[in-house]
Protein backbone atom coordinates (compact mmCIF):
# COMPACT_ATOMS: atom_id res chain seq x y z
CA UNK A 1 68.18 1.83 -25.55
CA UNK A 2 65.61 3.36 -23.25
CA UNK A 3 66.30 3.56 -19.57
CA UNK A 4 64.57 1.30 -17.18
CA UNK A 5 62.18 2.97 -14.61
CA UNK A 6 62.41 1.80 -11.02
CA UNK A 7 59.32 1.07 -9.23
CA UNK A 8 59.65 1.86 -5.64
CA UNK A 9 57.99 -0.12 -2.82
CA UNK A 10 56.16 2.96 -1.79
CA UNK A 11 54.78 3.11 -5.38
CA UNK A 12 53.36 -0.34 -5.27
CA UNK A 13 52.09 0.19 -1.80
CA UNK A 14 50.16 3.29 -3.00
CA UNK A 15 48.68 1.43 -6.10
CA UNK A 16 47.50 -1.29 -3.69
CA UNK A 17 45.86 1.07 -1.32
CA UNK A 18 44.17 2.90 -4.16
CA UNK A 19 42.83 -0.38 -5.56
CA UNK A 20 41.63 -1.46 -2.08
CA UNK A 21 39.81 1.85 -1.45
CA UNK A 22 38.18 1.66 -4.94
CA UNK A 23 36.85 -1.85 -4.31
CA UNK A 24 35.55 -0.59 -0.95
CA UNK A 25 33.52 2.17 -2.39
CA UNK A 26 29.75 1.95 -2.10
CA UNK A 27 27.68 0.79 -5.19
CA UNK A 28 26.58 3.44 -7.55
CA UNK A 29 23.24 5.27 -6.69
CA UNK A 30 22.36 5.90 -10.28
CA UNK A 31 21.98 3.61 -13.42
CA UNK A 32 21.15 4.21 -17.04
CA UNK A 33 17.95 2.90 -18.99
CA UNK A 34 19.40 0.89 -21.91
CA UNK A 35 17.20 0.60 -25.22
CA UNK A 36 16.81 -3.02 -26.04
CA UNK A 37 16.97 -4.09 -29.63
CA UNK A 38 13.63 -5.28 -31.08
CA UNK A 39 13.10 -8.98 -31.52
CA UNK A 40 10.29 -11.34 -33.10
CA UNK A 41 10.37 -13.28 -29.88
CA UNK A 42 8.40 -10.46 -28.18
CA UNK A 43 5.35 -11.14 -30.14
CA UNK A 44 5.78 -14.98 -30.03
CA UNK A 45 4.04 -17.01 -27.68
CA UNK A 46 6.16 -19.94 -25.87
CA UNK A 47 5.54 -23.35 -26.57
CA UNK A 48 2.22 -24.65 -24.70
CA UNK A 49 0.84 -21.23 -24.34
CA UNK A 50 -2.34 -21.43 -26.40
CA UNK A 51 -6.00 -20.37 -26.05
CA UNK A 52 -8.37 -17.50 -26.69
CA UNK A 53 -6.12 -14.34 -26.64
CA UNK A 54 -4.72 -11.99 -29.18
CA UNK A 55 -1.14 -10.88 -29.63
CA UNK A 56 0.10 -7.35 -30.74
CA UNK A 57 0.89 -6.80 -34.32
CA UNK A 58 3.79 -4.20 -33.48
CA UNK A 59 6.49 -4.85 -30.81
CA UNK A 60 6.85 -2.26 -27.93
CA UNK A 61 10.19 -0.40 -27.56
CA UNK A 62 11.76 -1.75 -24.39
CA UNK A 63 14.09 0.20 -21.84
CA UNK A 64 15.90 -1.86 -19.08
CA UNK A 65 17.85 -1.33 -16.02
CA UNK A 66 18.79 -3.07 -12.85
CA UNK A 67 18.21 -0.83 -9.93
CA UNK A 68 21.31 0.48 -8.47
CA UNK A 69 22.99 0.13 -4.95
CA UNK A 70 21.88 -3.60 -4.59
CA UNK A 71 25.01 -5.10 -2.98
CA UNK A 72 26.12 -8.73 -2.91
CA UNK A 73 25.46 -10.65 0.21
CA UNK A 74 22.07 -9.10 1.21
CA UNK A 75 19.28 -11.32 2.51
CA UNK A 76 17.07 -11.21 -0.72
CA UNK A 77 16.89 -7.98 -2.81
CA UNK A 78 13.04 -7.81 -3.61
CA UNK A 79 10.22 -5.49 -4.65
CA UNK A 80 6.91 -5.93 -3.12
CA UNK A 81 5.22 -2.50 -3.22
CA UNK A 82 3.12 -0.66 -6.13
CA UNK A 83 4.78 1.82 -8.17
CA UNK A 84 3.65 5.52 -9.18
CA UNK A 85 3.63 7.75 -12.17
CA UNK A 86 4.09 11.16 -10.48
CA UNK A 87 3.14 14.66 -11.54
CA UNK A 88 6.78 15.53 -12.52
CA UNK A 89 6.63 13.07 -15.35
CA UNK A 90 8.72 10.35 -13.42
CA UNK A 91 7.94 6.87 -12.37
CA UNK A 92 8.73 6.02 -8.85
CA UNK A 93 9.42 2.40 -7.43
CA UNK A 94 10.65 0.70 -4.18
CA UNK A 95 12.80 -2.34 -3.28
CA UNK A 96 14.27 -3.75 -0.02
CA UNK A 97 16.58 -6.31 1.13
CA UNK A 98 14.06 -8.48 3.17
CA UNK A 99 16.30 -8.51 6.15
CA UNK A 100 15.04 -8.64 9.90
CA UNK A 101 15.17 -7.24 12.29
CA UNK A 102 17.31 -4.61 10.67
CA UNK A 103 16.40 -4.33 6.91
CA UNK A 104 17.19 -1.63 4.05
CA UNK A 105 14.65 -0.15 1.79
CA UNK A 106 15.08 2.47 -1.32
CA UNK A 107 12.83 4.42 -3.34
CA UNK A 108 13.94 5.41 -7.05
CA UNK A 109 13.02 7.87 -9.63
CA UNK A 110 12.79 6.47 -13.05
CA UNK A 111 13.06 9.17 -15.73
CA UNK A 112 12.16 8.02 -19.24
CA UNK A 113 13.17 11.33 -20.71
CA UNK A 114 16.77 11.31 -19.31
CA UNK A 115 16.97 7.54 -19.31
CA UNK A 116 18.07 7.37 -15.89
CA UNK A 117 17.18 5.37 -12.43
CA UNK A 118 18.31 7.28 -9.36
CA UNK A 119 18.18 6.30 -5.72
CA UNK A 120 16.10 9.05 -4.17
CA UNK A 121 15.38 8.08 -0.64
CA UNK A 122 17.11 5.66 1.79
CA UNK A 123 14.39 4.88 4.22
CA UNK A 124 16.74 4.22 7.39
CA UNK A 125 18.46 7.34 6.61
CA UNK A 126 15.36 9.54 6.06
CA UNK A 127 13.74 8.03 9.30
CA UNK A 128 16.93 8.61 11.18
CA UNK A 129 17.30 4.96 12.34
CA UNK A 130 20.56 4.12 14.09
CA UNK A 131 22.68 1.39 12.53
CA UNK A 132 22.17 -1.05 14.99
CA UNK A 133 21.45 -4.54 13.47
CA UNK A 134 19.72 -5.84 16.54
CA UNK A 135 17.02 -3.20 16.31
CA UNK A 136 14.19 -2.88 14.04
CA UNK A 137 14.33 -1.11 10.40
CA UNK A 138 12.09 -2.27 7.67
CA UNK A 139 13.18 -4.48 5.05
CA UNK A 140 10.56 -3.66 2.55
CA UNK A 141 8.16 -1.15 1.27
CA UNK A 142 5.08 -3.22 0.81
CA UNK A 143 2.32 -0.66 0.36
CA UNK A 144 2.20 1.57 -2.67
CA UNK A 145 3.93 4.86 -3.35
CA UNK A 146 1.24 7.38 -3.45
CA UNK A 147 1.20 11.12 -4.32
CA UNK A 148 -1.02 13.64 -2.54
CA UNK A 149 -2.35 16.92 -3.82
CA UNK A 150 0.59 18.67 -1.96
CA UNK A 151 2.81 17.00 -4.39
CA UNK A 152 4.55 14.84 -1.72
CA UNK A 153 5.17 11.26 -2.29
CA UNK A 154 4.09 9.11 0.84
CA UNK A 155 5.01 5.50 1.75
CA UNK A 156 5.49 3.18 4.98
CA UNK A 157 8.15 0.90 5.65
CA UNK A 158 7.42 -2.97 6.15
CA UNK A 159 9.01 -5.64 8.49
CA UNK A 160 11.27 -8.44 6.81
CA UNK A 161 9.84 -10.80 9.10
CA UNK A 162 6.99 -10.65 11.69
CA UNK A 163 9.13 -12.72 13.99
CA UNK A 164 11.55 -9.80 14.52
CA UNK A 165 8.88 -7.24 15.67
CA UNK A 166 8.99 -7.98 19.37
CA UNK A 167 10.06 -5.81 22.25
CA UNK A 168 13.52 -6.92 21.83
CA UNK A 169 13.95 -5.26 18.60
CA UNK A 170 12.22 -2.14 19.66
CA UNK A 171 9.22 -2.39 17.32
CA UNK A 172 6.65 0.18 17.70
CA UNK A 173 5.23 0.41 14.16
CA UNK A 174 6.55 1.80 10.82
CA UNK A 175 7.43 5.39 9.95
CA UNK A 176 5.46 7.31 7.39
CA UNK A 177 7.85 9.19 5.10
CA UNK A 178 7.13 11.94 2.79
CA UNK A 179 9.49 12.59 -0.39
CA UNK A 180 9.53 16.02 -1.87
CA UNK A 181 10.22 15.67 -5.65
CA UNK A 182 10.85 19.49 -5.94
CA UNK A 183 13.52 19.46 -3.26
CA UNK A 184 14.72 15.91 -3.32
CA UNK A 185 14.27 15.78 0.51
CA UNK A 186 12.52 13.14 2.54
CA UNK A 187 10.77 13.89 5.86
CA UNK A 188 9.80 11.54 8.91
CA UNK A 189 6.21 12.05 9.82
CA UNK A 190 6.47 9.50 12.70
CA UNK A 191 4.68 6.17 13.25
CA UNK A 192 1.12 6.50 11.97
CA UNK A 193 -0.31 3.33 12.98
CA UNK A 194 1.14 2.06 16.15
CA UNK A 195 2.62 -1.52 16.39
CA UNK A 196 1.53 -2.15 12.78
CA UNK A 197 3.03 -2.33 9.31
CA UNK A 198 1.08 -1.18 6.22
CA UNK A 199 1.17 -3.44 3.24
CA UNK A 200 -1.67 -1.61 1.41
CA UNK A 201 -1.95 1.93 0.91
CA UNK A 202 -3.97 4.30 -1.23
CA UNK A 203 -4.39 8.10 -1.19
CA UNK A 204 -7.82 9.56 -1.41
CA UNK A 205 -8.07 13.06 -2.70
CA UNK A 206 -11.61 13.75 -1.59
CA UNK A 207 -10.61 13.49 2.10
CA UNK A 208 -7.06 14.28 1.75
CA UNK A 209 -6.11 10.93 3.49
CA UNK A 210 -4.14 7.80 3.38
CA UNK A 211 -6.20 4.63 3.57
CA UNK A 212 -4.31 1.63 4.77
CA UNK A 213 -4.79 -1.93 5.63
CA UNK A 214 -2.38 -2.95 8.31
CA UNK A 215 -1.00 -6.04 9.73
CA UNK A 216 0.13 -6.31 13.59
CA UNK A 217 3.59 -6.87 14.89
CA UNK A 218 4.39 -9.04 17.72
CA UNK A 219 4.12 -5.96 20.15
CA UNK A 220 0.44 -5.08 19.03
CA UNK A 221 -2.27 -5.30 21.68
CA UNK A 222 -4.30 -7.57 19.39
CA UNK A 223 -3.76 -9.79 16.62
CA UNK A 224 -6.32 -8.31 13.96
CA UNK A 225 -5.44 -6.75 10.84
CA UNK A 226 -6.68 -3.04 10.68
CA UNK A 227 -8.33 -0.48 8.43
CA UNK A 228 -6.63 2.71 8.97
CA UNK A 229 -7.36 6.41 7.90
CA UNK A 230 -4.78 9.02 8.51
CA UNK A 231 -5.60 12.42 7.70
CA UNK A 232 -2.74 14.43 6.01
CA UNK A 233 -3.96 18.01 6.98
CA UNK A 234 -4.12 17.26 10.70
CA UNK A 235 -1.32 14.33 10.42
CA UNK A 236 -3.74 12.45 12.84
CA UNK A 237 -5.10 9.02 12.77
CA UNK A 238 -8.88 9.29 12.20
CA UNK A 239 -9.86 5.70 12.22
CA UNK A 240 -7.87 2.48 13.37
CA UNK A 241 -10.40 -0.19 13.00
CA UNK A 242 -9.67 -4.00 13.87
CA UNK A 243 -11.08 -6.27 11.10
CA UNK A 244 -12.07 -9.93 11.10
CA UNK A 245 -10.43 -10.64 7.83
CA UNK A 246 -6.77 -11.52 7.33
CA UNK A 247 -4.42 -11.52 4.22
CA UNK A 248 -5.97 -8.39 3.04
CA UNK A 249 -4.19 -6.96 0.15
CA UNK A 250 -6.27 -4.59 -1.89
CA UNK A 251 -8.47 -1.61 -1.51
CA UNK A 252 -11.10 -0.35 -4.11
CA UNK A 253 -11.33 3.41 -3.56
CA UNK A 254 -14.50 5.63 -5.08
CA UNK A 255 -14.14 9.18 -5.83
CA UNK A 256 -16.14 10.14 -2.88
CA UNK A 257 -13.82 8.46 -0.46
CA UNK A 258 -15.91 5.34 0.26
CA UNK A 259 -13.58 2.27 0.08
CA UNK A 260 -14.03 -1.54 -0.13
CA UNK A 261 -11.87 -4.58 0.88
CA UNK A 262 -12.04 -8.22 1.44
CA UNK A 263 -13.77 -9.12 4.85
CA UNK A 264 -12.39 -12.67 4.83
CA UNK A 265 -15.48 -14.35 4.10
CA UNK A 266 -15.50 -14.11 0.31
CA UNK A 267 -17.27 -10.62 0.41
CA UNK A 268 -16.51 -6.98 0.72
CA UNK A 269 -16.72 -4.59 3.71
CA UNK A 270 -17.18 -0.93 3.02
CA UNK A 271 -15.81 2.11 4.81
CA UNK A 272 -17.81 5.38 4.66
CA UNK A 273 -15.81 8.57 5.48
CA UNK A 274 -19.20 10.29 6.06
CA UNK A 275 -19.79 8.21 9.06
CA UNK A 276 -16.06 7.19 9.57
CA UNK A 277 -17.32 3.48 10.10
CA UNK A 278 -16.75 0.08 8.62
CA UNK A 279 -19.80 -1.77 7.64
CA UNK A 280 -20.49 -5.15 5.80
CA UNK A 281 -21.97 -5.38 2.46
CA UNK A 282 -23.85 -8.32 0.63
CA UNK A 283 -21.05 -7.96 -2.41
CA UNK A 284 -19.37 -11.25 -3.19
CA UNK A 285 -16.02 -11.35 -4.76
CA UNK A 286 -15.69 -13.53 -7.89
CA UNK A 287 -13.17 -16.44 -7.93
CA UNK A 288 -11.75 -17.53 -4.67
CA UNK A 289 -13.29 -14.55 -2.85
CA UNK A 290 -10.11 -12.64 -2.19
CA UNK A 291 -9.66 -9.23 -3.64
CA UNK A 292 -6.07 -8.76 -4.83
CA UNK A 293 -5.83 -5.93 -7.12
CA UNK A 294 -8.05 -2.99 -8.21
CA UNK A 295 -7.84 -0.34 -10.60
CA UNK A 296 -9.04 3.46 -10.18
CA UNK A 297 -12.51 3.96 -11.10
CA UNK A 298 -13.26 5.20 -14.59
CA UNK A 299 -15.40 8.24 -15.46
CA UNK A 300 -18.54 6.17 -14.62
CA UNK A 301 -17.26 5.01 -11.26
CA UNK A 302 -16.39 1.46 -12.33
CA UNK A 303 -13.46 -0.04 -11.03
CA UNK A 304 -11.75 -3.12 -12.52
CA UNK A 305 -10.44 -5.71 -10.04
CA UNK A 306 -8.66 -9.11 -9.79
CA UNK A 307 -9.27 -11.98 -7.30
CA UNK A 308 -6.28 -13.65 -5.87
CA UNK A 309 -6.85 -16.59 -8.27
CA UNK A 310 -7.19 -14.61 -11.31
CA UNK A 311 -10.89 -13.59 -11.89
CA UNK A 312 -11.03 -10.23 -13.52
CA UNK A 313 -14.28 -8.41 -12.66
CA UNK A 314 -15.80 -4.96 -12.76
CA UNK A 315 -17.21 -3.32 -9.57
CA UNK A 316 -19.37 -0.30 -9.80
CA UNK A 317 -18.73 2.02 -6.94
CA UNK A 318 -22.24 3.74 -7.34
CA UNK A 319 -24.27 0.65 -7.11
CA UNK A 320 -21.85 -2.10 -5.76
CA UNK A 321 -22.80 -4.33 -8.56
CA UNK A 322 -20.02 -7.06 -9.76
CA UNK A 323 -19.50 -8.32 -13.09
CA UNK A 324 -17.12 -11.12 -13.88
CA UNK A 325 -15.24 -10.39 -17.06
CA UNK A 326 -12.67 -13.39 -17.73
CA UNK A 327 -9.74 -15.27 -16.31
CA UNK A 328 -6.69 -13.23 -16.21
CA UNK A 329 -4.93 -15.52 -18.81
CA UNK A 330 -4.99 -18.94 -20.36
CA UNK A 331 -2.17 -20.58 -18.70
CA UNK A 332 0.27 -20.26 -15.79
CA UNK A 333 0.22 -18.75 -12.36
CA UNK A 334 -2.69 -16.25 -12.28
CA UNK A 335 -1.66 -14.51 -9.09
CA UNK A 336 -1.52 -10.75 -10.02
CA UNK A 337 -0.76 -8.12 -7.57
CA UNK A 338 -1.30 -4.71 -9.33
CA UNK A 339 -3.01 -3.51 -12.46
CA UNK A 340 -3.60 -0.15 -14.17
CA UNK A 341 -6.64 1.35 -16.14
CA UNK A 342 -5.48 3.40 -19.02
CA UNK A 343 -6.58 6.97 -19.39
CA UNK A 344 -9.47 6.31 -21.78
CA UNK A 345 -10.88 3.77 -19.41
CA UNK A 346 -10.70 0.97 -22.20
CA UNK A 347 -7.75 -1.08 -21.31
CA UNK A 348 -6.63 -2.76 -18.17
CA UNK A 349 -2.94 -3.80 -17.75
CA UNK A 350 -1.42 -6.55 -15.63
CA UNK A 351 1.31 -9.21 -15.67
CA UNK A 352 0.47 -12.67 -14.42
CA UNK A 353 2.84 -14.48 -12.06
CA UNK A 354 3.40 -11.81 -9.28
CA UNK A 355 5.22 -14.22 -6.92
CA UNK A 356 7.38 -15.91 -9.41
CA UNK A 357 7.24 -18.07 -12.35
CA UNK A 358 6.10 -15.46 -14.59
CA UNK A 359 8.52 -16.90 -17.25
CA UNK A 360 6.61 -20.05 -17.54
CA UNK A 361 4.18 -18.13 -19.73
CA UNK A 362 7.01 -15.88 -21.18
CA UNK A 363 6.27 -13.02 -18.94
CA UNK A 364 3.16 -11.70 -20.91
CA UNK A 365 2.15 -8.00 -20.43
CA UNK A 366 -1.61 -8.23 -20.88
CA UNK A 367 -3.86 -5.49 -22.13
CA UNK A 368 -7.50 -6.43 -21.54
CA UNK A 369 -10.14 -4.41 -23.39
CA UNK A 370 -12.76 -4.11 -20.53
CA UNK A 371 -15.63 -3.51 -23.03
CA UNK A 372 -15.09 -6.72 -25.07
CA UNK A 373 -13.39 -9.05 -22.68
CA UNK A 374 -10.59 -9.68 -25.14
CA UNK A 375 -6.89 -10.33 -23.72
CA UNK A 376 -4.15 -9.21 -25.99
CA UNK A 377 -0.47 -9.52 -25.13
CA UNK A 378 1.49 -6.59 -25.82
CA UNK A 379 4.68 -8.44 -25.42
CA UNK A 380 6.23 -11.74 -24.08
CA UNK A 381 9.05 -10.34 -22.46
CA UNK A 382 11.11 -13.08 -20.84
CA UNK A 383 13.03 -14.76 -23.60
CA UNK A 384 14.33 -11.38 -25.03
CA UNK A 385 15.37 -10.12 -21.75
CA UNK A 386 17.26 -13.39 -20.86
CA UNK A 387 19.05 -13.30 -24.10
CA UNK A 388 19.96 -9.45 -24.24
CA UNK A 389 20.64 -8.84 -20.53
CA UNK A 390 21.16 -12.32 -19.02
CA UNK A 391 18.33 -11.65 -16.59
CA UNK A 392 15.32 -13.76 -15.59
CA UNK A 393 12.00 -12.06 -15.01
CA UNK A 394 10.54 -13.25 -11.72
CA UNK A 395 7.36 -11.27 -11.44
CA UNK A 396 5.93 -7.90 -10.42
CA UNK A 397 4.25 -6.32 -7.59
CA UNK A 398 4.65 -2.68 -9.07
CA UNK A 399 3.50 -1.22 -12.40
CA UNK A 400 2.70 2.45 -13.12
CA UNK A 401 1.23 3.85 -16.63
CA UNK A 402 1.93 7.44 -17.66
CA UNK A 403 -0.56 10.15 -18.21
CA UNK A 404 -1.36 9.24 -21.85
CA UNK A 405 -0.97 5.59 -21.61
CA UNK A 406 1.91 5.19 -23.73
CA UNK A 407 4.49 4.13 -21.17
CA UNK A 408 4.14 1.35 -18.73
CA UNK A 409 6.79 0.95 -16.19
CA UNK A 410 7.18 -2.50 -14.51
CA UNK A 411 9.38 -3.21 -11.63
CA UNK A 412 10.47 -6.89 -11.63
CA UNK A 413 11.70 -9.33 -9.00
CA UNK A 414 14.35 -11.53 -10.86
CA UNK A 415 17.90 -13.02 -11.08
CA UNK A 416 20.91 -12.84 -13.09
CA UNK A 417 21.83 -15.96 -15.12
CA UNK A 418 23.01 -18.51 -14.27
CA UNK A 419 20.15 -18.35 -11.68
CA UNK A 420 20.91 -17.68 -8.21
CA UNK A 421 19.56 -19.41 -5.35
CA UNK A 422 16.21 -18.07 -5.79
CA UNK A 423 15.84 -17.86 -9.62
CA UNK A 424 12.85 -15.29 -9.29
CA UNK A 425 14.30 -13.00 -6.69
CA UNK A 426 17.46 -11.60 -5.38
CA UNK A 427 18.06 -8.76 -7.92
CA UNK A 428 15.49 -6.06 -8.71
CA UNK A 429 15.15 -4.39 -12.38
CA UNK A 430 12.96 -1.98 -14.12
CA UNK A 431 11.46 -2.23 -17.72
CA UNK A 432 9.89 0.69 -19.44
CA UNK A 433 7.48 -0.54 -21.98
CA UNK A 434 6.60 2.17 -24.90
CA UNK A 435 3.32 0.83 -26.07
CA UNK A 436 2.76 1.55 -29.91
CA UNK A 437 -0.11 4.04 -30.61
CA UNK A 438 -1.67 1.56 -32.91
CA UNK A 439 -2.03 -1.21 -30.04
CA UNK A 440 -3.68 1.20 -27.73
CA UNK A 441 -5.93 3.30 -29.95
CA UNK A 442 -6.95 0.89 -32.57
CA UNK A 443 -5.55 2.93 -35.33
C-alpha cells in the first residue's frame, strides 16, 4: 500500500503565497492575432439593411485580437485616435482608459506577419509622469499616430475630461512623444502647444511639420480652438492661431503643405505655409457643413472627405472645387471619423457608426469606388465576431491600410458579451481584414 505524504503548513502557506503573487501579476503586454473561420454571414446584410449598394463576392480573411494590458476596473477603455501603417510593415494603434485627471494611454504595434500585438509605448512612463492620481496625465490619445521622414512615430496625449484641466491638477498642455520603431524607445519632446490638447494631428512632409487642431484646457488664456504648426526640424511652434470654429475634427492636407479645416460656419479655412497665415475661403462643406474625415490626396491632388452627417465628397486641393459623391451608407448611424484611400486612388474605405451602434447595420466595411460612386460592403463583421469571439463591435476611430491595399487594420471600441455597462465601449480590440485581390482589382 503506498505511503501517505504529509503536507506541512509551510507547504500550504507557500502554495497560497505563490497563487496570490500570480494573481497580482500585471496583465500581459502582448497578444496573438487569431485567424477567425470563414462564415456566410460576412457577406449577408442584416434584416432591414437594404438599398443601393453591392456586397463582395469573396469573404475576406479576418485576424482578431483584444488589445493586451486592459485591466478591469478602469473608467472606460476606449480608442479615439487614428491609426498608422508604418514603414516597418506594422500597424500602430492607440487606446486609453478615459480617466481624469490622471489617465493611462498606450500605443501598440500590430504585426500581421508574426500575428502579434505588442504594447510598445506607455504614455505616462515615456513622459516621466509621477504616479500622483490628483495630477494631470492624459486618458486618451485622440490625435492620429503619424510617422515623419525621420522614421519616428509622433503622438500627443489628450485629457480624459476638460473639467480636470485646471491649475489644481497642474495642467499645462499635453506632451509630444516620439516612438522610434528601430530602437523601441519613446522620447518626451515636451509640451508643444501650451495649455491645449491636440485631438487632430497630421504630418506634412513638404514642411517637415506637424499640423494640429487643438482644444483649450481650463488653464488656457483663451477659450478658442487653435490651429498649430510645429516644426520637427527646429522643434519649435511656428504658428498657434486662435480660430472661430469649435468642434473641429479633421484636416485636408495638400502635398505642397496647404491645409483646410472647418471654420464653424459650414465652410473651410485655409492655412498656407508660404505666408504662415490662416485665411477664409468660399468653399462650402456638403451635408451638415462639418468636415469630419479626409483622405490623403490622390496623384491628381484630389482628397476624399466625409461630413459629420455622412456626406461623401471630393475636394480638389489645386482648385478648391468640391463635388458631392453619395451618402456614406443606406442606413444606420453615418458618423464616420476616419477613412483611407487605397494606393490606386480608386477605392475609399470607411466604417459607419464611429461612436457606437455600428452593429445596427452589421458593422459594414465600406469600399467606395470614387469614380463610379458605387458602395460595396467588403464584409458585415459584427455577427461573425459576436459568435466566434463573444465580442460586440461598437465602432472605430482608427483604421490603416497597408502599402498595397491588401490589409485593412481596424481598431474597435466594443464590449464582451454579456454586454457591459456601455455595450459599445469598455474593451478595445483590433481586426486585420485581408481583402481578396478580386475585390480590390476587379480581376
